[in-house]
């Protein structure tokens, strides 16, 4: 996973947890603006979320952070 995506995921998870607590759920779409400015990065996130980890549409942000910290290779 590219560092830019990993950093963005952690940033969004941290922000959502700070705002709504440890039980907050997120989708991989939360890491992108409504306008698709980087389709390759969006597809990388989708691949990681759906194909690699077989995650549901919404998952707890704390779970995503744990997965990211365990997956640090580019």
PDB file of N, CA and C in Angstrom:
ATOM      1  N   UNK A   1       0.844  -1.178   0.000  1.00  0.00           N
ATOM      2  CA  UNK A   1       0.000   0.000   0.000  1.00  0.00           C
ATOM      3  C   UNK A   1       0.894   1.247   0.000  1.00  0.00           C
ATOM      4  N   UNK A   2       0.519   2.185  -0.842  1.00  0.00           N
ATOM      5  CA  UNK A   2       1.296   3.425  -0.923  1.00  0.00           C
ATOM      6  C   UNK A   2       1.222   4.195   0.397  1.00  0.00           C
ATOM      7  N   UNK A   3       2.314   4.850   0.748  1.00  0.00           N
ATOM      8  CA  UNK A   3       2.384   5.621   1.985  1.00  0.00           C
ATOM      9  C   UNK A   3       1.315   6.701   2.027  1.00  0.00           C
ATOM     10  N   UNK A   4       1.055   7.364   0.920  1.00  0.00           N
ATOM     11  CA  UNK A   4       0.051   8.426   0.888  1.00  0.00           C
ATOM     12  C   UNK A   4      -1.331   7.894   1.278  1.00  0.00           C
ATOM     13  N   UNK A   5      -1.676   6.700   0.835  1.00  0.00           N
ATOM     14  CA  UNK A   5      -2.958   6.111   1.173  1.00  0.00           C
ATOM     15  C   UNK A   5      -2.974   5.671   2.633  1.00  0.00           C
ATOM     16  N   UNK A   6      -1.925   5.025   3.066  1.00  0.00           N
ATOM     17  CA  UNK A   6      -1.832   4.585   4.462  1.00  0.00           C
ATOM     18  C   UNK A   6      -1.959   5.776   5.411  1.00  0.00           C
ATOM     19  N   UNK A   7      -1.255   6.866   5.106  1.00  0.00           N
ATOM     20  CA  UNK A   7      -1.313   8.063   5.947  1.00  0.00           C
ATOM     21  C   UNK A   7      -2.714   8.669   5.967  1.00  0.00           C
ATOM     22  N   UNK A   8      -3.374   8.695   4.812  1.00  0.00           N
ATOM     23  CA  UNK A   8      -4.721   9.248   4.725  1.00  0.00           C
ATOM     24  C   UNK A   8      -5.706   8.400   5.522  1.00  0.00           C
ATOM     25  N   UNK A   9      -5.599   7.098   5.426  1.00  0.00           N
ATOM     26  CA  UNK A   9      -6.486   6.209   6.176  1.00  0.00           C
ATOM     27  C   UNK A   9      -6.321   6.441   7.674  1.00  0.00           C
ATOM     28  N   UNK A  10      -5.090   6.503   8.145  1.00  0.00           N
ATOM     29  CA  UNK A  10      -4.851   6.730   9.568  1.00  0.00           C
ATOM     30  C   UNK A  10      -5.370   8.093  10.009  1.00  0.00           C
ATOM     31  N   UNK A  11      -5.174   9.105   9.183  1.00  0.00           N
ATOM     32  CA  UNK A  11      -5.658  10.456   9.495  1.00  0.00           C
ATOM     33  C   UNK A  11      -7.184  10.474   9.636  1.00  0.00           C
ATOM     34  N   UNK A  12      -7.878   9.869   8.684  1.00  0.00           N
ATOM     35  CA  UNK A  12      -9.337   9.852   8.713  1.00  0.00           C
ATOM     36  C   UNK A  12      -9.837   9.033   9.902  1.00  0.00           C
ATOM     37  N   UNK A  13      -9.235   7.890  10.148  1.00  0.00           N
ATOM     38  CA  UNK A  13      -9.643   7.061  11.287  1.00  0.00           C
ATOM     39  C   UNK A  13      -9.460   7.820  12.599  1.00  0.00           C
ATOM     40  N   UNK A  14      -8.317   8.440  12.771  1.00  0.00           N
ATOM     41  CA  UNK A  14      -8.051   9.202  13.997  1.00  0.00           C
ATOM     42  C   UNK A  14      -9.071  10.324  14.182  1.00  0.00           C
ATOM     43  N   UNK A  15      -9.377  11.028  13.106  1.00  0.00           N
ATOM     44  CA  UNK A  15     -10.336  12.130  13.170  1.00  0.00           C
ATOM     45  C   UNK A  15     -11.725  11.620  13.541  1.00  0.00           C
ATOM     46  N   UNK A  16     -12.173  10.557  12.892  1.00  0.00           N
ATOM     47  CA  UNK A  16     -13.503  10.008  13.171  1.00  0.00           C
ATOM     48  C   UNK A  16     -13.606   9.475  14.597  1.00  0.00           C
ATOM     49  N   UNK A  17     -12.559   8.806  15.070  1.00  0.00           N
ATOM     50  CA  UNK A  17     -12.546   8.283  16.441  1.00  0.00           C
ATOM     51  C   UNK A  17     -12.598   9.436  17.439  1.00  0.00           C
ATOM     52  N   UNK A  18     -11.837  10.497  17.180  1.00  0.00           N
ATOM     53  CA  UNK A  18     -11.828  11.660  18.071  1.00  0.00           C
ATOM     54  C   UNK A  18     -13.199  12.334  18.121  1.00  0.00           C
ATOM     55  N   UNK A  19     -13.884  12.367  16.976  1.00  0.00           N
ATOM     56  CA  UNK A  19     -15.199  13.017  16.899  1.00  0.00           C
ATOM     57  C   UNK A  19     -16.322  12.167  17.486  1.00  0.00           C
ATOM     58  N   UNK A  20     -16.277  10.847  17.229  1.00  0.00           N
ATOM     59  CA  UNK A  20     -17.446  10.014  17.531  1.00  0.00           C
ATOM     60  C   UNK A  20     -17.170   8.820  18.432  1.00  0.00           C
ATOM     61  N   UNK A  21     -15.926   8.614  18.821  1.00  0.00           N
ATOM     62  CA  UNK A  21     -15.606   7.518  19.731  1.00  0.00           C
ATOM     63  C   UNK A  21     -15.147   6.249  19.026  1.00  0.00           C
ATOM     64  N   UNK A  22     -14.759   5.271  19.841  1.00  0.00           N
ATOM     65  CA  UNK A  22     -14.168   4.025  19.351  1.00  0.00           C
ATOM     66  C   UNK A  22     -15.109   3.141  18.546  1.00  0.00           C
ATOM     67  N   UNK A  23     -16.395   3.372  18.641  1.00  0.00           N
ATOM     68  CA  UNK A  23     -17.357   2.517  17.953  1.00  0.00           C
ATOM     69  C   UNK A  23     -17.723   3.028  16.558  1.00  0.00           C
ATOM     70  N   UNK A  24     -17.126   4.140  16.132  1.00  0.00           N
ATOM     71  CA  UNK A  24     -17.486   4.738  14.848  1.00  0.00           C
ATOM     72  C   UNK A  24     -17.097   3.811  13.696  1.00  0.00           C
ATOM     73  N   UNK A  25     -18.010   3.709  12.733  1.00  0.00           N
ATOM     74  CA  UNK A  25     -17.761   2.917  11.543  1.00  0.00           C
ATOM     75  C   UNK A  25     -17.421   3.807  10.356  1.00  0.00           C
ATOM     76  N   UNK A  26     -16.634   3.268   9.447  1.00  0.00           N
ATOM     77  CA  UNK A  26     -16.270   4.008   8.240  1.00  0.00           C
ATOM     78  C   UNK A  26     -16.305   3.065   7.039  1.00  0.00           C
ATOM     79  N   UNK A  27     -16.339   3.670   5.877  1.00  0.00           N
ATOM     80  CA  UNK A  27     -16.255   2.973   4.603  1.00  0.00           C
ATOM     81  C   UNK A  27     -14.963   3.443   3.930  1.00  0.00           C
ATOM     82  N   UNK A  28     -14.457   2.702   2.966  1.00  0.00           N
ATOM     83  CA  UNK A  28     -13.231   3.156   2.300  1.00  0.00           C
ATOM     84  C   UNK A  28     -13.468   4.433   1.508  1.00  0.00           C
ATOM     85  N   UNK A  29     -14.720   4.734   1.210  1.00  0.00           N
ATOM     86  CA  UNK A  29     -15.022   5.992   0.523  1.00  0.00           C
ATOM     87  C   UNK A  29     -14.704   7.201   1.394  1.00  0.00           C
ATOM     88  N   UNK A  30     -14.627   7.031   2.703  1.00  0.00           N
ATOM     89  CA  UNK A  30     -14.336   8.137   3.624  1.00  0.00           C
ATOM     90  C   UNK A  30     -12.949   8.738   3.376  1.00  0.00           C
ATOM     91  N   UNK A  31     -12.096   8.033   2.673  1.00  0.00           N
ATOM     92  CA  UNK A  31     -10.731   8.489   2.453  1.00  0.00           C
ATOM     93  C   UNK A  31     -10.592   9.355   1.200  1.00  0.00           C
ATOM     94  N   UNK A  32     -11.720   9.585   0.514  1.00  0.00           N
ATOM     95  CA  UNK A  32     -11.684  10.308  -0.755  1.00  0.00           C
ATOM     96  C   UNK A  32     -12.763  11.378  -0.793  1.00  0.00           C
ATOM     97  N   UNK A  33     -12.506  12.426  -1.574  1.00  0.00           N
ATOM     98  CA  UNK A  33     -13.494  13.465  -1.801  1.00  0.00           C
ATOM     99  C   UNK A  33     -14.566  12.922  -2.738  1.00  0.00           C
ATOM    100  N   UNK A  34     -15.693  13.605  -2.798  1.00  0.00           N
ATOM    101  CA  UNK A  34     -16.771  13.172  -3.692  1.00  0.00           C
ATOM    102  C   UNK A  34     -16.322  13.160  -5.147  1.00  0.00           C
ATOM    103  N   UNK A  35     -15.458  14.092  -5.512  1.00  0.00           N
ATOM    104  CA  UNK A  35     -14.924  14.119  -6.868  1.00  0.00           C
ATOM    105  C   UNK A  35     -13.741  13.154  -6.923  1.00  0.00           C
ATOM    106  N   UNK A  36     -13.785  12.225  -7.849  1.00  0.00           N
ATOM    107  CA  UNK A  36     -12.737  11.216  -7.954  1.00  0.00           C
ATOM    108  C   UNK A  36     -11.506  11.801  -8.633  1.00  0.00           C
ATOM    109  N   UNK A  37     -10.593  12.309  -7.815  1.00  0.00           N
ATOM    110  CA  UNK A  37      -9.390  12.960  -8.327  1.00  0.00           C
ATOM    111  C   UNK A  37      -8.235  11.988  -8.551  1.00  0.00           C
ATOM    112  N   UNK A  38      -8.310  10.806  -7.959  1.00  0.00           N
ATOM    113  CA  UNK A  38      -7.208   9.861  -8.080  1.00  0.00           C
ATOM    114  C   UNK A  38      -7.781   8.442  -8.174  1.00  0.00           C
ATOM    115  N   UNK A  39      -8.241   8.054  -9.366  1.00  0.00           N
ATOM    116  CA  UNK A  39      -8.883   6.736  -9.495  1.00  0.00           C
ATOM    117  C   UNK A  39      -7.961   5.565  -9.162  1.00  0.00           C
ATOM    118  N   UNK A  40      -6.670   5.696  -9.404  1.00  0.00           N
ATOM    119  CA  UNK A  40      -5.744   4.606  -9.100  1.00  0.00           C
ATOM    120  C   UNK A  40      -5.668   4.367  -7.589  1.00  0.00           C
ATOM    121  N   UNK A  41      -5.631   5.458  -6.818  1.00  0.00           N
ATOM    122  CA  UNK A  41      -5.569   5.333  -5.363  1.00  0.00           C
ATOM    123  C   UNK A  41      -6.887   4.779  -4.816  1.00  0.00           C
ATOM    124  N   UNK A  42      -8.000   5.215  -5.390  1.00  0.00           N
ATOM    125  CA  UNK A  42      -9.305   4.688  -4.999  1.00  0.00           C
ATOM    126  C   UNK A  42      -9.368   3.177  -5.254  1.00  0.00           C
ATOM    127  N   UNK A  43      -8.882   2.741  -6.387  1.00  0.00           N
ATOM    128  CA  UNK A  43      -8.888   1.314  -6.707  1.00  0.00           C
ATOM    129  C   UNK A  43      -7.958   0.534  -5.778  1.00  0.00           C
ATOM    130  N   UNK A  44      -6.838   1.142  -5.406  1.00  0.00           N
ATOM    131  CA  UNK A  44      -5.936   0.481  -4.456  1.00  0.00           C
ATOM    132  C   UNK A  44      -6.639   0.301  -3.106  1.00  0.00           C
ATOM    133  N   UNK A  45      -7.348   1.332  -2.663  1.00  0.00           N
ATOM    134  CA  UNK A  45      -8.085   1.239  -1.396  1.00  0.00           C
ATOM    135  C   UNK A  45      -9.183   0.179  -1.490  1.00  0.00           C
ATOM    136  N   UNK A  46      -9.901   0.164  -2.601  1.00  0.00           N
ATOM    137  CA  UNK A  46     -10.964  -0.821  -2.792  1.00  0.00           C
ATOM    138  C   UNK A  46     -10.393  -2.242  -2.804  1.00  0.00           C
ATOM    139  N   UNK A  47      -9.308  -2.435  -3.491  1.00  0.00           N
ATOM    140  CA  UNK A  47      -8.655  -3.751  -3.545  1.00  0.00           C
ATOM    141  C   UNK A  47      -8.255  -4.209  -2.144  1.00  0.00           C
ATOM    142  N   UNK A  48      -7.620  -3.316  -1.399  1.00  0.00           N
ATOM    143  CA  UNK A  48      -7.178  -3.633  -0.044  1.00  0.00           C
ATOM    144  C   UNK A  48      -8.378  -3.954   0.840  1.00  0.00           C
ATOM    145  N   UNK A  49      -9.416  -3.155   0.758  1.00  0.00           N
ATOM    146  CA  UNK A  49     -10.597  -3.277   1.624  1.00  0.00           C
ATOM    147  C   UNK A  49     -11.433  -4.508   1.267  1.00  0.00           C
ATOM    148  N   UNK A  50     -11.740  -4.652  -0.015  1.00  0.00           N
ATOM    149  CA  UNK A  50     -12.696  -5.670  -0.450  1.00  0.00           C
ATOM    150  C   UNK A  50     -12.030  -7.014  -0.742  1.00  0.00           C
ATOM    151  N   UNK A  51     -11.003  -7.004  -1.561  1.00  0.00           N
ATOM    152  CA  UNK A  51     -10.408  -8.261  -2.010  1.00  0.00           C
ATOM    153  C   UNK A  51      -9.405  -8.832  -1.011  1.00  0.00           C
ATOM    154  N   UNK A  52      -8.535  -7.978  -0.487  1.00  0.00           N
ATOM    155  CA  UNK A  52      -7.488  -8.470   0.410  1.00  0.00           C
ATOM    156  C   UNK A  52      -8.043  -8.870   1.771  1.00  0.00           C
ATOM    157  N   UNK A  53      -8.859  -7.978   2.363  1.00  0.00           N
ATOM    158  CA  UNK A  53      -9.327  -8.215   3.734  1.00  0.00           C
ATOM    159  C   UNK A  53     -10.792  -8.650   3.827  1.00  0.00           C
ATOM    160  N   UNK A  54     -11.507  -8.634   2.691  1.00  0.00           N
ATOM    161  CA  UNK A  54     -12.899  -9.079   2.656  1.00  0.00           C
ATOM    162  C   UNK A  54     -13.751  -8.395   3.737  1.00  0.00           C
ATOM    163  N   UNK A  55     -13.579  -7.071   3.833  1.00  0.00           N
ATOM    164  CA  UNK A  55     -14.281  -6.286   4.842  1.00  0.00           C
ATOM    165  C   UNK A  55     -15.693  -5.951   4.383  1.00  0.00           C
ATOM    166  N   UNK A  56     -16.577  -5.726   5.354  1.00  0.00           N
ATOM    167  CA  UNK A  56     -17.927  -5.254   5.068  1.00  0.00           C
ATOM    168  C   UNK A  56     -17.850  -3.806   4.601  1.00  0.00           C
ATOM    169  N   UNK A  57     -18.983  -3.303   4.098  1.00  0.00           N
ATOM    170  CA  UNK A  57     -19.009  -1.920   3.610  1.00  0.00           C
ATOM    171  C   UNK A  57     -18.589  -0.944   4.713  1.00  0.00           C
ATOM    172  N   UNK A  58     -19.126  -1.100   5.914  1.00  0.00           N
ATOM    173  CA  UNK A  58     -18.730  -0.278   7.054  1.00  0.00           C
ATOM    174  C   UNK A  58     -18.005  -1.152   8.061  1.00  0.00           C
ATOM    175  N   UNK A  59     -16.879  -0.647   8.529  1.00  0.00           N
ATOM    176  CA  UNK A  59     -16.096  -1.322   9.564  1.00  0.00           C
ATOM    177  C   UNK A  59     -15.700  -0.292  10.609  1.00  0.00           C
ATOM    178  N   UNK A  60     -15.404  -0.769  11.795  1.00  0.00           N
ATOM    179  CA  UNK A  60     -14.967   0.141  12.855  1.00  0.00           C
ATOM    180  C   UNK A  60     -13.606   0.731  12.500  1.00  0.00           C
ATOM    181  N   UNK A  61     -13.474   2.022  12.748  1.00  0.00           N
ATOM    182  CA  UNK A  61     -12.221   2.720  12.441  1.00  0.00           C
ATOM    183  C   UNK A  61     -11.049   2.115  13.209  1.00  0.00           C
ATOM    184  N   UNK A  62     -11.272   1.684  14.452  1.00  0.00           N
ATOM    185  CA  UNK A  62     -10.183   1.086  15.228  1.00  0.00           C
ATOM    186  C   UNK A  62      -9.693  -0.211  14.572  1.00  0.00           C
ATOM    187  N   UNK A  63     -10.601  -0.971  13.972  1.00  0.00           N
ATOM    188  CA  UNK A  63     -10.211  -2.199  13.265  1.00  0.00           C
ATOM    189  C   UNK A  63      -9.354  -1.867  12.048  1.00  0.00           C
ATOM    190  N   UNK A  64      -9.746  -0.840  11.308  1.00  0.00           N
ATOM    191  CA  UNK A  64      -8.983  -0.435  10.127  1.00  0.00           C
ATOM    192  C   UNK A  64      -7.587   0.019  10.530  1.00  0.00           C
ATOM    193  N   UNK A  65      -7.495   0.782  11.613  1.00  0.00           N
ATOM    194  CA  UNK A  65      -6.174   1.210  12.096  1.00  0.00           C
ATOM    195  C   UNK A  65      -5.295   0.008  12.434  1.00  0.00           C
ATOM    196  N   UNK A  66      -5.867  -0.995  13.095  1.00  0.00           N
ATOM    197  CA  UNK A  66      -5.091  -2.197  13.434  1.00  0.00           C
ATOM    198  C   UNK A  66      -4.597  -2.891  12.164  1.00  0.00           C
ATOM    199  N   UNK A  67      -5.458  -2.998  11.167  1.00  0.00           N
ATOM    200  CA  UNK A  67      -5.054  -3.629   9.919  1.00  0.00           C
ATOM    201  C   UNK A  67      -3.935  -2.848   9.226  1.00  0.00           C
ATOM    202  N   UNK A  68      -4.056  -1.534   9.223  1.00  0.00           N
ATOM    203  CA  UNK A  68      -3.030  -0.686   8.594  1.00  0.00           C
ATOM    204  C   UNK A  68      -1.694  -0.847   9.309  1.00  0.00           C
ATOM    205  N   UNK A  69      -1.713  -0.842  10.618  1.00  0.00           N
ATOM    206  CA  UNK A  69      -0.457  -0.978  11.360  1.00  0.00           C
ATOM    207  C   UNK A  69       0.177  -2.351  11.143  1.00  0.00           C
ATOM    208  N   UNK A  70      -0.614  -3.342  10.833  1.00  0.00           N
ATOM    209  CA  UNK A  70      -0.090  -4.667  10.550  1.00  0.00           C
ATOM    210  C   UNK A  70       0.322  -4.856   9.115  1.00  0.00           C
ATOM    211  N   UNK A  71      -0.015  -3.886   8.248  1.00  0.00           N
ATOM    212  CA  UNK A  71       0.257  -3.972   6.825  1.00  0.00           C
ATOM    213  C   UNK A  71       1.053  -2.743   6.401  1.00  0.00           C
ATOM    214  N   UNK A  72       2.362  -2.772   6.631  1.00  0.00           N
ATOM    215  CA  UNK A  72       3.179  -1.578   6.388  1.00  0.00           C
ATOM    216  C   UNK A  72       4.056  -1.672   5.148  1.00  0.00           C
ATOM    217  N   UNK A  73       3.887  -2.706   4.353  1.00  0.00           N
ATOM    218  CA  UNK A  73       4.703  -2.805   3.143  1.00  0.00           C
ATOM    219  C   UNK A  73       4.028  -2.052   2.001  1.00  0.00           C
ATOM    220  N   UNK A  74       4.834  -1.490   1.135  1.00  0.00           N
ATOM    221  CA  UNK A  74       4.298  -0.766  -0.020  1.00  0.00           C
ATOM    222  C   UNK A  74       4.082  -1.693  -1.168  1.00  0.00           C
TER     223      UNK A  74
END
